[in-house]
mmCIF file of all heavy atoms, coordinates in Angstrom:
data_MODEL
# 
_entry.id   MODEL 
# 
loop_
_atom_site.group_PDB 
_atom_site.id 
_atom_site.type_symbol 
_atom_site.label_atom_id 
_atom_site.label_alt_id 
_atom_site.label_comp_id 
_atom_site.label_asym_id 
_atom_site.label_entity_id 
_atom_site.label_seq_id 
_atom_site.pdbx_PDB_ins_code 
_atom_site.Cartn_x 
_atom_site.Cartn_y 
_atom_site.Cartn_z 
_atom_site.occupancy 
_atom_site.B_iso_or_equiv 
_atom_site.pdbx_formal_charge 
_atom_site.auth_seq_id 
_atom_site.auth_comp_id 
_atom_site.auth_asym_id 
_atom_site.auth_atom_id 
_atom_site.pdbx_PDB_model_num 
ATOM 1   N N   . THR A 1 1  ? 0.827  -1.209 -0.001  1.00 0.00 ? 1  THR A N   1 
ATOM 2   C CA  . THR A 1 1  ? 0.001  0.000  -0.001  1.00 0.00 ? 1  THR A CA  1 
ATOM 3   C C   . THR A 1 1  ? 0.860  1.262  -0.001  1.00 0.00 ? 1  THR A C   1 
ATOM 4   O O   . THR A 1 1  ? 0.528  2.254  -0.646  1.00 0.00 ? 1  THR A O   1 
ATOM 5   C CB  . THR A 1 1  ? -0.953 -0.005 1.199   1.00 0.00 ? 1  THR A CB  1 
ATOM 6   O OG1 . THR A 1 1  ? -1.760 -1.187 1.137   1.00 0.00 ? 1  THR A OG1 1 
ATOM 7   C CG2 . THR A 1 1  ? -1.861 1.212  1.199   1.00 0.00 ? 1  THR A CG2 1 
ATOM 8   N N   . THR A 1 2  ? 1.990  1.223  0.703   1.00 0.00 ? 2  THR A N   1 
ATOM 9   C CA  . THR A 1 2  ? 2.920  2.359  0.683   1.00 0.00 ? 2  THR A CA  1 
ATOM 10  C C   . THR A 1 2  ? 3.422  2.618  -0.729  1.00 0.00 ? 2  THR A C   1 
ATOM 11  O O   . THR A 1 2  ? 3.474  3.770  -1.185  1.00 0.00 ? 2  THR A O   1 
ATOM 12  C CB  . THR A 1 2  ? 4.107  2.096  1.627   1.00 0.00 ? 2  THR A CB  1 
ATOM 13  O OG1 . THR A 1 2  ? 3.638  2.048  2.980   1.00 0.00 ? 2  THR A OG1 1 
ATOM 14  C CG2 . THR A 1 2  ? 5.164  3.191  1.507   1.00 0.00 ? 2  THR A CG2 1 
ATOM 15  N N   . LEU A 1 3  ? 3.779  1.562  -1.451  1.00 0.00 ? 3  LEU A N   1 
ATOM 16  C CA  . LEU A 1 3  ? 4.261  1.736  -2.822  1.00 0.00 ? 3  LEU A CA  1 
ATOM 17  C C   . LEU A 1 3  ? 3.157  2.248  -3.734  1.00 0.00 ? 3  LEU A C   1 
ATOM 18  O O   . LEU A 1 3  ? 3.414  3.069  -4.629  1.00 0.00 ? 3  LEU A O   1 
ATOM 19  C CB  . LEU A 1 3  ? 4.825  0.428  -3.358  1.00 0.00 ? 3  LEU A CB  1 
ATOM 20  C CG  . LEU A 1 3  ? 6.103  -0.088 -2.696  1.00 0.00 ? 3  LEU A CG  1 
ATOM 21  C CD1 . LEU A 1 3  ? 6.619  -1.311 -3.436  1.00 0.00 ? 3  LEU A CD1 1 
ATOM 22  C CD2 . LEU A 1 3  ? 7.180  0.985  -2.635  1.00 0.00 ? 3  LEU A CD2 1 
ATOM 23  N N   . GLN A 1 4  ? 1.943  1.811  -3.525  1.00 0.00 ? 4  GLN A N   1 
ATOM 24  C CA  . GLN A 1 4  ? 0.837  2.306  -4.345  1.00 0.00 ? 4  GLN A CA  1 
ATOM 25  C C   . GLN A 1 4  ? 0.574  3.786  -4.088  1.00 0.00 ? 4  GLN A C   1 
ATOM 26  O O   . GLN A 1 4  ? 0.277  4.541  -5.023  1.00 0.00 ? 4  GLN A O   1 
ATOM 27  C CB  . GLN A 1 4  ? -0.413 1.477  -4.087  1.00 0.00 ? 4  GLN A CB  1 
ATOM 28  C CG  . GLN A 1 4  ? -0.321 0.061  -4.641  1.00 0.00 ? 4  GLN A CG  1 
ATOM 29  C CD  . GLN A 1 4  ? -1.600 -0.732 -4.438  1.00 0.00 ? 4  GLN A CD  1 
ATOM 30  O OE1 . GLN A 1 4  ? -2.661 -0.179 -4.156  1.00 0.00 ? 4  GLN A OE1 1 
ATOM 31  N NE2 . GLN A 1 4  ? -1.504 -2.046 -4.583  1.00 0.00 ? 4  GLN A NE2 1 
ATOM 32  N N   . ARG A 1 5  ? 0.695  4.221  -2.828  1.00 0.00 ? 5  ARG A N   1 
ATOM 33  C CA  . ARG A 1 5  ? 0.568  5.662  -2.542  1.00 0.00 ? 5  ARG A CA  1 
ATOM 34  C C   . ARG A 1 5  ? 1.677  6.430  -3.242  1.00 0.00 ? 5  ARG A C   1 
ATOM 35  O O   . ARG A 1 5  ? 1.459  7.507  -3.810  1.00 0.00 ? 5  ARG A O   1 
ATOM 36  C CB  . ARG A 1 5  ? 0.623  5.927  -1.030  1.00 0.00 ? 5  ARG A CB  1 
ATOM 37  C CG  . ARG A 1 5  ? -0.632 5.596  -0.258  1.00 0.00 ? 5  ARG A CG  1 
ATOM 38  C CD  . ARG A 1 5  ? -0.600 6.196  1.141   1.00 0.00 ? 5  ARG A CD  1 
ATOM 39  N NE  . ARG A 1 5  ? 0.535  5.745  1.928   1.00 0.00 ? 5  ARG A NE  1 
ATOM 40  C CZ  . ARG A 1 5  ? 0.553  4.656  2.689   1.00 0.00 ? 5  ARG A CZ  1 
ATOM 41  N NH1 . ARG A 1 5  ? -0.527 3.886  2.756   1.00 0.00 ? 5  ARG A NH1 1 
ATOM 42  N NH2 . ARG A 1 5  ? 1.627  4.312  3.382   1.00 0.00 ? 5  ARG A NH2 1 
ATOM 43  N N   . TYR A 1 6  ? 2.889  5.874  -3.212  1.00 0.00 ? 6  TYR A N   1 
ATOM 44  C CA  . TYR A 1 6  ? 4.033  6.528  -3.857  1.00 0.00 ? 6  TYR A CA  1 
ATOM 45  C C   . TYR A 1 6  ? 3.787  6.661  -5.359  1.00 0.00 ? 6  TYR A C   1 
ATOM 46  O O   . TYR A 1 6  ? 4.001  7.735  -5.946  1.00 0.00 ? 6  TYR A O   1 
ATOM 47  C CB  . TYR A 1 6  ? 5.304  5.725  -3.589  1.00 0.00 ? 6  TYR A CB  1 
ATOM 48  C CG  . TYR A 1 6  ? 6.555  6.386  -4.119  1.00 0.00 ? 6  TYR A CG  1 
ATOM 49  C CD1 . TYR A 1 6  ? 7.277  7.264  -3.328  1.00 0.00 ? 6  TYR A CD1 1 
ATOM 50  C CD2 . TYR A 1 6  ? 7.007  6.133  -5.413  1.00 0.00 ? 6  TYR A CD2 1 
ATOM 51  C CE1 . TYR A 1 6  ? 8.432  7.883  -3.809  1.00 0.00 ? 6  TYR A CE1 1 
ATOM 52  C CE2 . TYR A 1 6  ? 8.139  6.745  -5.901  1.00 0.00 ? 6  TYR A CE2 1 
ATOM 53  C CZ  . TYR A 1 6  ? 8.851  7.622  -5.099  1.00 0.00 ? 6  TYR A CZ  1 
ATOM 54  O OH  . TYR A 1 6  ? 9.980  8.240  -5.586  1.00 0.00 ? 6  TYR A OH  1 
ATOM 55  N N   . GLU A 1 7  ? 3.327  5.601  -5.977  1.00 0.00 ? 7  GLU A N   1 
ATOM 56  C CA  . GLU A 1 7  ? 3.087  5.623  -7.421  1.00 0.00 ? 7  GLU A CA  1 
ATOM 57  C C   . GLU A 1 7  ? 1.999  6.622  -7.795  1.00 0.00 ? 7  GLU A C   1 
ATOM 58  O O   . GLU A 1 7  ? 2.114  7.341  -8.797  1.00 0.00 ? 7  GLU A O   1 
ATOM 59  C CB  . GLU A 1 7  ? 2.707  4.220  -7.888  1.00 0.00 ? 7  GLU A CB  1 
ATOM 60  C CG  . GLU A 1 7  ? 3.872  3.254  -7.859  1.00 0.00 ? 7  GLU A CG  1 
ATOM 61  C CD  . GLU A 1 7  ? 3.462  1.796  -7.866  1.00 0.00 ? 7  GLU A CD  1 
ATOM 62  O OE1 . GLU A 1 7  ? 2.236  1.507  -7.832  1.00 0.00 ? 7  GLU A OE1 1 
ATOM 63  O OE2 . GLU A 1 7  ? 4.366  0.934  -7.906  1.00 0.00 ? 7  GLU A OE2 1 
ATOM 64  N N   . ALA A 1 8  ? 0.948  6.688  -6.985  1.00 0.00 ? 8  ALA A N   1 
ATOM 65  C CA  . ALA A 1 8  ? -0.133 7.633  -7.262  1.00 0.00 ? 8  ALA A CA  1 
ATOM 66  C C   . ALA A 1 8  ? 0.356  9.074  -7.152  1.00 0.00 ? 8  ALA A C   1 
ATOM 67  O O   . ALA A 1 8  ? 0.001  9.934  -7.975  1.00 0.00 ? 8  ALA A O   1 
ATOM 68  C CB  . ALA A 1 8  ? -1.299 7.392  -6.308  1.00 0.00 ? 8  ALA A CB  1 
ATOM 69  N N   . ARG A 1 9  ? 1.190  9.341  -6.172  1.00 0.00 ? 9  ARG A N   1 
ATOM 70  C CA  . ARG A 1 9  ? 1.726  10.696 -5.995  1.00 0.00 ? 9  ARG A CA  1 
ATOM 71  C C   . ARG A 1 9  ? 2.676  11.054 -7.124  1.00 0.00 ? 9  ARG A C   1 
ATOM 72  O O   . ARG A 1 9  ? 2.645  12.179 -7.645  1.00 0.00 ? 9  ARG A O   1 
ATOM 73  C CB  . ARG A 1 9  ? 2.433  10.800 -4.640  1.00 0.00 ? 9  ARG A CB  1 
ATOM 74  C CG  . ARG A 1 9  ? 1.488  10.745 -3.458  1.00 0.00 ? 9  ARG A CG  1 
ATOM 75  C CD  . ARG A 1 9  ? 2.228  10.440 -2.171  1.00 0.00 ? 9  ARG A CD  1 
ATOM 76  N NE  . ARG A 1 9  ? 1.329  10.431 -1.026  1.00 0.00 ? 9  ARG A NE  1 
ATOM 77  C CZ  . ARG A 1 9  ? 1.591  9.810  0.115   1.00 0.00 ? 9  ARG A CZ  1 
ATOM 78  N NH1 . ARG A 1 9  ? 2.742  9.153  0.265   1.00 0.00 ? 9  ARG A NH1 1 
ATOM 79  N NH2 . ARG A 1 9  ? 0.725  9.847  1.104   1.00 0.00 ? 9  ARG A NH2 1 
ATOM 80  N N   . LEU A 1 10 ? 3.537  10.120 -7.502  1.00 0.00 ? 10 LEU A N   1 
ATOM 81  C CA  . LEU A 1 10 ? 4.468  10.382 -8.597  1.00 0.00 ? 10 LEU A CA  1 
ATOM 82  C C   . LEU A 1 10 ? 3.697  10.641 -9.887  1.00 0.00 ? 10 LEU A C   1 
ATOM 83  O O   . LEU A 1 10 ? 4.053  11.540 -10.667 1.00 0.00 ? 10 LEU A O   1 
ATOM 84  C CB  . LEU A 1 10 ? 5.422  9.197  -8.761  1.00 0.00 ? 10 LEU A CB  1 
ATOM 85  C CG  . LEU A 1 10 ? 6.480  9.299  -9.853  1.00 0.00 ? 10 LEU A CG  1 
ATOM 86  C CD1 . LEU A 1 10 ? 7.355  10.545 -9.686  1.00 0.00 ? 10 LEU A CD1 1 
ATOM 87  C CD2 . LEU A 1 10 ? 7.355  8.043  -9.876  1.00 0.00 ? 10 LEU A CD2 1 
ATOM 88  N N   . ALA A 1 11 ? 2.639  9.880  -10.110 1.00 0.00 ? 11 ALA A N   1 
ATOM 89  C CA  . ALA A 1 11 ? 1.833  10.077 -11.321 1.00 0.00 ? 11 ALA A CA  1 
ATOM 90  C C   . ALA A 1 11 ? 1.184  11.451 -11.340 1.00 0.00 ? 11 ALA A C   1 
ATOM 91  O O   . ALA A 1 11 ? 1.179  12.137 -12.374 1.00 0.00 ? 11 ALA A O   1 
ATOM 92  C CB  . ALA A 1 11 ? 0.768  8.986  -11.410 1.00 0.00 ? 11 ALA A CB  1 
ATOM 93  N N   . ARG A 1 12 ? 0.622  11.883 -10.211 1.00 0.00 ? 12 ARG A N   1 
ATOM 94  C CA  . ARG A 1 12 ? -0.014 13.204 -10.164 1.00 0.00 ? 12 ARG A CA  1 
ATOM 95  C C   . ARG A 1 12 ? 1.018  14.302 -10.371 1.00 0.00 ? 12 ARG A C   1 
ATOM 96  O O   . ARG A 1 12 ? 0.772  15.294 -11.082 1.00 0.00 ? 12 ARG A O   1 
ATOM 97  C CB  . ARG A 1 12 ? -0.727 13.401 -8.818  1.00 0.00 ? 12 ARG A CB  1 
ATOM 98  C CG  . ARG A 1 12 ? -1.854 12.425 -8.611  1.00 0.00 ? 12 ARG A CG  1 
ATOM 99  C CD  . ARG A 1 12 ? -2.791 12.774 -7.470  1.00 0.00 ? 12 ARG A CD  1 
ATOM 100 N NE  . ARG A 1 12 ? -2.235 13.305 -6.266  1.00 0.00 ? 12 ARG A NE  1 
ATOM 101 C CZ  . ARG A 1 12 ? -2.099 12.613 -5.118  1.00 0.00 ? 12 ARG A CZ  1 
ATOM 102 N NH1 . ARG A 1 12 ? -2.432 11.328 -5.061  1.00 0.00 ? 12 ARG A NH1 1 
ATOM 103 N NH2 . ARG A 1 12 ? -1.637 13.198 -4.042  1.00 0.00 ? 12 ARG A NH2 1 
ATOM 104 N N   . ALA A 1 13 ? 2.179  14.139 -9.753  1.00 0.00 ? 13 ALA A N   1 
ATOM 105 C CA  . ALA A 1 13 ? 3.211  15.167 -9.863  1.00 0.00 ? 13 ALA A CA  1 
ATOM 106 C C   . ALA A 1 13 ? 3.754  15.257 -11.288 1.00 0.00 ? 13 ALA A C   1 
ATOM 107 O O   . ALA A 1 13 ? 3.966  16.355 -11.819 1.00 0.00 ? 13 ALA A O   1 
ATOM 108 C CB  . ALA A 1 13 ? 4.334  14.871 -8.875  1.00 0.00 ? 13 ALA A CB  1 
ATOM 109 N N   . LEU A 1 14 ? 3.975  14.113 -11.937 1.00 0.00 ? 14 LEU A N   1 
ATOM 110 C CA  . LEU A 1 14 ? 4.487  14.138 -13.306 1.00 0.00 ? 14 LEU A CA  1 
ATOM 111 C C   . LEU A 1 14 ? 3.424  14.565 -14.307 1.00 0.00 ? 14 LEU A C   1 
ATOM 112 O O   . LEU A 1 14 ? 3.754  15.141 -15.354 1.00 0.00 ? 14 LEU A O   1 
ATOM 113 C CB  . LEU A 1 14 ? 5.048  12.764 -13.683 1.00 0.00 ? 14 LEU A CB  1 
ATOM 114 C CG  . LEU A 1 14 ? 6.345  12.369 -12.982 1.00 0.00 ? 14 LEU A CG  1 
ATOM 115 C CD1 . LEU A 1 14 ? 6.780  10.976 -13.410 1.00 0.00 ? 14 LEU A CD1 1 
ATOM 116 C CD2 . LEU A 1 14 ? 7.461  13.379 -13.259 1.00 0.00 ? 14 LEU A CD2 1 
ATOM 117 N N   . ALA A 1 15 ? 2.149  14.318 -14.001 1.00 0.00 ? 15 ALA A N   1 
ATOM 118 C CA  . ALA A 1 15 ? 1.083  14.807 -14.881 1.00 0.00 ? 15 ALA A CA  1 
ATOM 119 C C   . ALA A 1 15 ? 1.134  16.320 -14.980 1.00 0.00 ? 15 ALA A C   1 
ATOM 120 O O   . ALA A 1 15 ? 0.912  16.900 -16.057 1.00 0.00 ? 15 ALA A O   1 
ATOM 121 C CB  . ALA A 1 15 ? -0.278 14.347 -14.373 1.00 0.00 ? 15 ALA A CB  1 
ATOM 122 N N   . GLY A 1 16 ? 1.447  16.980 -13.872 1.00 0.00 ? 16 GLY A N   1 
ATOM 123 C CA  . GLY A 1 16 ? 1.594  18.437 -13.912 1.00 0.00 ? 16 GLY A CA  1 
ATOM 124 C C   . GLY A 1 16 ? 2.728  18.864 -14.820 1.00 0.00 ? 16 GLY A C   1 
ATOM 125 O O   . GLY A 1 16 ? 2.617  19.865 -15.547 1.00 0.00 ? 16 GLY A O   1 
ATOM 126 N N   . VAL A 1 17 ? 3.836  18.121 -14.799 1.00 0.00 ? 17 VAL A N   1 
ATOM 127 C CA  . VAL A 1 17 ? 4.957  18.413 -15.692 1.00 0.00 ? 17 VAL A CA  1 
ATOM 128 C C   . VAL A 1 17 ? 4.538  18.238 -17.147 1.00 0.00 ? 17 VAL A C   1 
ATOM 129 O O   . VAL A 1 17 ? 4.854  19.063 -18.009 1.00 0.00 ? 17 VAL A O   1 
ATOM 130 C CB  . VAL A 1 17 ? 6.156  17.492 -15.369 1.00 0.00 ? 17 VAL A CB  1 
ATOM 131 C CG1 . VAL A 1 17 ? 7.254  17.644 -16.410 1.00 0.00 ? 17 VAL A CG1 1 
ATOM 132 C CG2 . VAL A 1 17 ? 6.697  17.791 -13.981 1.00 0.00 ? 17 VAL A CG2 1 
ATOM 133 N N   . ILE A 1 18 ? 3.812  17.172 -17.430 1.00 0.00 ? 18 ILE A N   1 
ATOM 134 C CA  . ILE A 1 18 ? 3.387  16.917 -18.806 1.00 0.00 ? 18 ILE A CA  1 
ATOM 135 C C   . ILE A 1 18 ? 2.437  18.011 -19.282 1.00 0.00 ? 18 ILE A C   1 
ATOM 136 O O   . ILE A 1 18 ? 2.552  18.497 -20.421 1.00 0.00 ? 18 ILE A O   1 
ATOM 137 C CB  . ILE A 1 18 ? 2.725  15.526 -18.911 1.00 0.00 ? 18 ILE A CB  1 
ATOM 138 C CG1 . ILE A 1 18 ? 3.750  14.430 -18.604 1.00 0.00 ? 18 ILE A CG1 1 
ATOM 139 C CG2 . ILE A 1 18 ? 2.138  15.308 -20.302 1.00 0.00 ? 18 ILE A CG2 1 
ATOM 140 C CD1 . ILE A 1 18 ? 3.162  13.049 -18.442 1.00 0.00 ? 18 ILE A CD1 1 
ATOM 141 N N   . ASN A 1 19 ? 1.518  18.440 -18.432 1.00 0.00 ? 19 ASN A N   1 
ATOM 142 C CA  . ASN A 1 19 ? 0.590  19.501 -18.826 1.00 0.00 ? 19 ASN A CA  1 
ATOM 143 C C   . ASN A 1 19 ? 1.303  20.816 -19.112 1.00 0.00 ? 19 ASN A C   1 
ATOM 144 O O   . ASN A 1 19 ? 0.867  21.600 -19.975 1.00 0.00 ? 19 ASN A O   1 
ATOM 145 C CB  . ASN A 1 19 ? -0.459 19.713 -17.734 1.00 0.00 ? 19 ASN A CB  1 
ATOM 146 C CG  . ASN A 1 19 ? -1.526 18.635 -17.728 1.00 0.00 ? 19 ASN A CG  1 
ATOM 147 O OD1 . ASN A 1 19 ? -1.788 17.993 -18.746 1.00 0.00 ? 19 ASN A OD1 1 
ATOM 148 N ND2 . ASN A 1 19 ? -2.144 18.420 -16.580 1.00 0.00 ? 19 ASN A ND2 1 
ATOM 149 N N   . LEU A 1 20 ? 2.395  21.094 -18.412 1.00 0.00 ? 20 LEU A N   1 
ATOM 150 C CA  . LEU A 1 20 ? 3.121  22.347 -18.614 1.00 0.00 ? 20 LEU A CA  1 
ATOM 151 C C   . LEU A 1 20 ? 4.170  22.264 -19.710 1.00 0.00 ? 20 LEU A C   1 
ATOM 152 O O   . LEU A 1 20 ? 4.296  23.157 -20.537 1.00 0.00 ? 20 LEU A O   1 
ATOM 153 C CB  . LEU A 1 20 ? 3.803  22.766 -17.310 1.00 0.00 ? 20 LEU A CB  1 
ATOM 154 C CG  . LEU A 1 20 ? 2.919  23.382 -16.233 1.00 0.00 ? 20 LEU A CG  1 
ATOM 155 C CD1 . LEU A 1 20 ? 3.714  23.541 -14.943 1.00 0.00 ? 20 LEU A CD1 1 
ATOM 156 C CD2 . LEU A 1 20 ? 2.393  24.740 -16.685 1.00 0.00 ? 20 LEU A CD2 1 
ATOM 157 N N   . LEU A 1 21 ? 4.928  21.181 -19.730 1.00 0.00 ? 21 LEU A N   1 
ATOM 158 C CA  . LEU A 1 21 ? 6.106  21.079 -20.589 1.00 0.00 ? 21 LEU A CA  1 
ATOM 159 C C   . LEU A 1 21 ? 5.887  20.178 -21.796 1.00 0.00 ? 21 LEU A C   1 
ATOM 160 O O   . LEU A 1 21 ? 6.522  20.355 -22.830 1.00 0.00 ? 21 LEU A O   1 
ATOM 161 C CB  . LEU A 1 21 ? 7.281  20.553 -19.747 1.00 0.00 ? 21 LEU A CB  1 
ATOM 162 C CG  . LEU A 1 21 ? 8.668  20.562 -20.356 1.00 0.00 ? 21 LEU A CG  1 
ATOM 163 C CD1 . LEU A 1 21 ? 9.109  21.981 -20.697 1.00 0.00 ? 21 LEU A CD1 1 
ATOM 164 C CD2 . LEU A 1 21 ? 9.670  19.925 -19.380 1.00 0.00 ? 21 LEU A CD2 1 
ATOM 165 N N   . ASP A 1 22 ? 4.996  19.212 -21.661 1.00 0.00 ? 22 ASP A N   1 
ATOM 166 C CA  . ASP A 1 22 ? 4.698  18.226 -22.710 1.00 0.00 ? 22 ASP A CA  1 
ATOM 167 C C   . ASP A 1 22 ? 5.976  17.601 -23.260 1.00 0.00 ? 22 ASP A C   1 
ATOM 168 O O   . ASP A 1 22 ? 6.226  17.613 -24.475 1.00 0.00 ? 22 ASP A O   1 
ATOM 169 C CB  . ASP A 1 22 ? 3.889  18.862 -23.840 1.00 0.00 ? 22 ASP A CB  1 
ATOM 170 C CG  . ASP A 1 22 ? 3.108  17.832 -24.646 1.00 0.00 ? 22 ASP A CG  1 
ATOM 171 O OD1 . ASP A 1 22 ? 3.028  16.663 -24.212 1.00 0.00 ? 22 ASP A OD1 1 
ATOM 172 O OD2 . ASP A 1 22 ? 2.583  18.186 -25.715 1.00 0.00 ? 22 ASP A OD2 1 
ATOM 173 N N   . PRO A 1 23 ? 6.802  17.004 -22.382 1.00 0.00 ? 23 PRO A N   1 
ATOM 174 C CA  . PRO A 1 23 ? 8.072  16.447 -22.852 1.00 0.00 ? 23 PRO A CA  1 
ATOM 175 C C   . PRO A 1 23 ? 7.882  15.183 -23.675 1.00 0.00 ? 23 PRO A C   1 
ATOM 176 O O   . PRO A 1 23 ? 6.901  14.441 -23.504 1.00 0.00 ? 23 PRO A O   1 
ATOM 177 C CB  . PRO A 1 23 ? 8.806  16.130 -21.547 1.00 0.00 ? 23 PRO A CB  1 
ATOM 178 C CG  . PRO A 1 23 ? 7.706  15.861 -20.563 1.00 0.00 ? 23 PRO A CG  1 
ATOM 179 C CD  . PRO A 1 23 ? 6.593  16.799 -20.944 1.00 0.00 ? 23 PRO A CD  1 
ATOM 180 N N   . ASP A 1 24 ? 8.838  14.929 -24.554 1.00 0.00 ? 24 ASP A N   1 
ATOM 181 C CA  . ASP A 1 24 ? 8.859  13.672 -25.294 1.00 0.00 ? 24 ASP A CA  1 
ATOM 182 C C   . ASP A 1 24 ? 9.178  12.502 -24.362 1.00 0.00 ? 24 ASP A C   1 
ATOM 183 O O   . ASP A 1 24 ? 8.614  11.412 -24.508 1.00 0.00 ? 24 ASP A O   1 
ATOM 184 C CB  . ASP A 1 24 ? 9.912  13.730 -26.403 1.00 0.00 ? 24 ASP A CB  1 
ATOM 185 C CG  . ASP A 1 24 ? 9.619  14.816 -27.413 1.00 0.00 ? 24 ASP A CG  1 
ATOM 186 O OD1 . ASP A 1 24 ? 8.700  14.637 -28.223 1.00 0.00 ? 24 ASP A OD1 1 
ATOM 187 O OD2 . ASP A 1 24 ? 10.303 15.862 -27.366 1.00 0.00 ? 24 ASP A OD2 1 
ATOM 188 N N   . VAL A 1 25 ? 10.113 12.743 -23.445 1.00 0.00 ? 25 VAL A N   1 
ATOM 189 C CA  . VAL A 1 25 ? 10.599 11.688 -22.565 1.00 0.00 ? 25 VAL A CA  1 
ATOM 190 C C   . VAL A 1 25 ? 10.788 12.243 -21.159 1.00 0.00 ? 25 VAL A C   1 
ATOM 191 O O   . VAL A 1 25 ? 11.271 13.372 -20.993 1.00 0.00 ? 25 VAL A O   1 
ATOM 192 C CB  . VAL A 1 25 ? 11.950 11.111 -23.065 1.00 0.00 ? 25 VAL A CB  1 
ATOM 193 C CG1 . VAL A 1 25 ? 12.400 9.952  -22.183 1.00 0.00 ? 25 VAL A CG1 1 
ATOM 194 C CG2 . VAL A 1 25 ? 11.855 10.664 -24.509 1.00 0.00 ? 25 VAL A CG2 1 
ATOM 195 N N   . ILE A 1 26 ? 10.416 11.456 -20.158 1.00 0.00 ? 26 ILE A N   1 
ATOM 196 C CA  . ILE A 1 26 ? 10.761 11.722 -18.761 1.00 0.00 ? 26 ILE A CA  1 
ATOM 197 C C   . ILE A 1 26 ? 11.708 10.615 -18.329 1.00 0.00 ? 26 ILE A C   1 
ATOM 198 O O   . ILE A 1 26 ? 11.391 9.428  -18.429 1.00 0.00 ? 26 ILE A O   1 
ATOM 199 C CB  . ILE A 1 26 ? 9.522  11.760 -17.855 1.00 0.00 ? 26 ILE A CB  1 
ATOM 200 C CG1 . ILE A 1 26 ? 8.607  12.916 -18.254 1.00 0.00 ? 26 ILE A CG1 1 
ATOM 201 C CG2 . ILE A 1 26 ? 9.933  11.883 -16.382 1.00 0.00 ? 26 ILE A CG2 1 
ATOM 202 C CD1 . ILE A 1 26 ? 7.283  12.953 -17.490 1.00 0.00 ? 26 ILE A CD1 1 
# 
């Protein structure tokens, strides 16, 4: 469950990067 919380947070945080920067690769 700790890892699933981590993955959900990383996904939300990187989604913000994609919305702003729209990178080809992370």
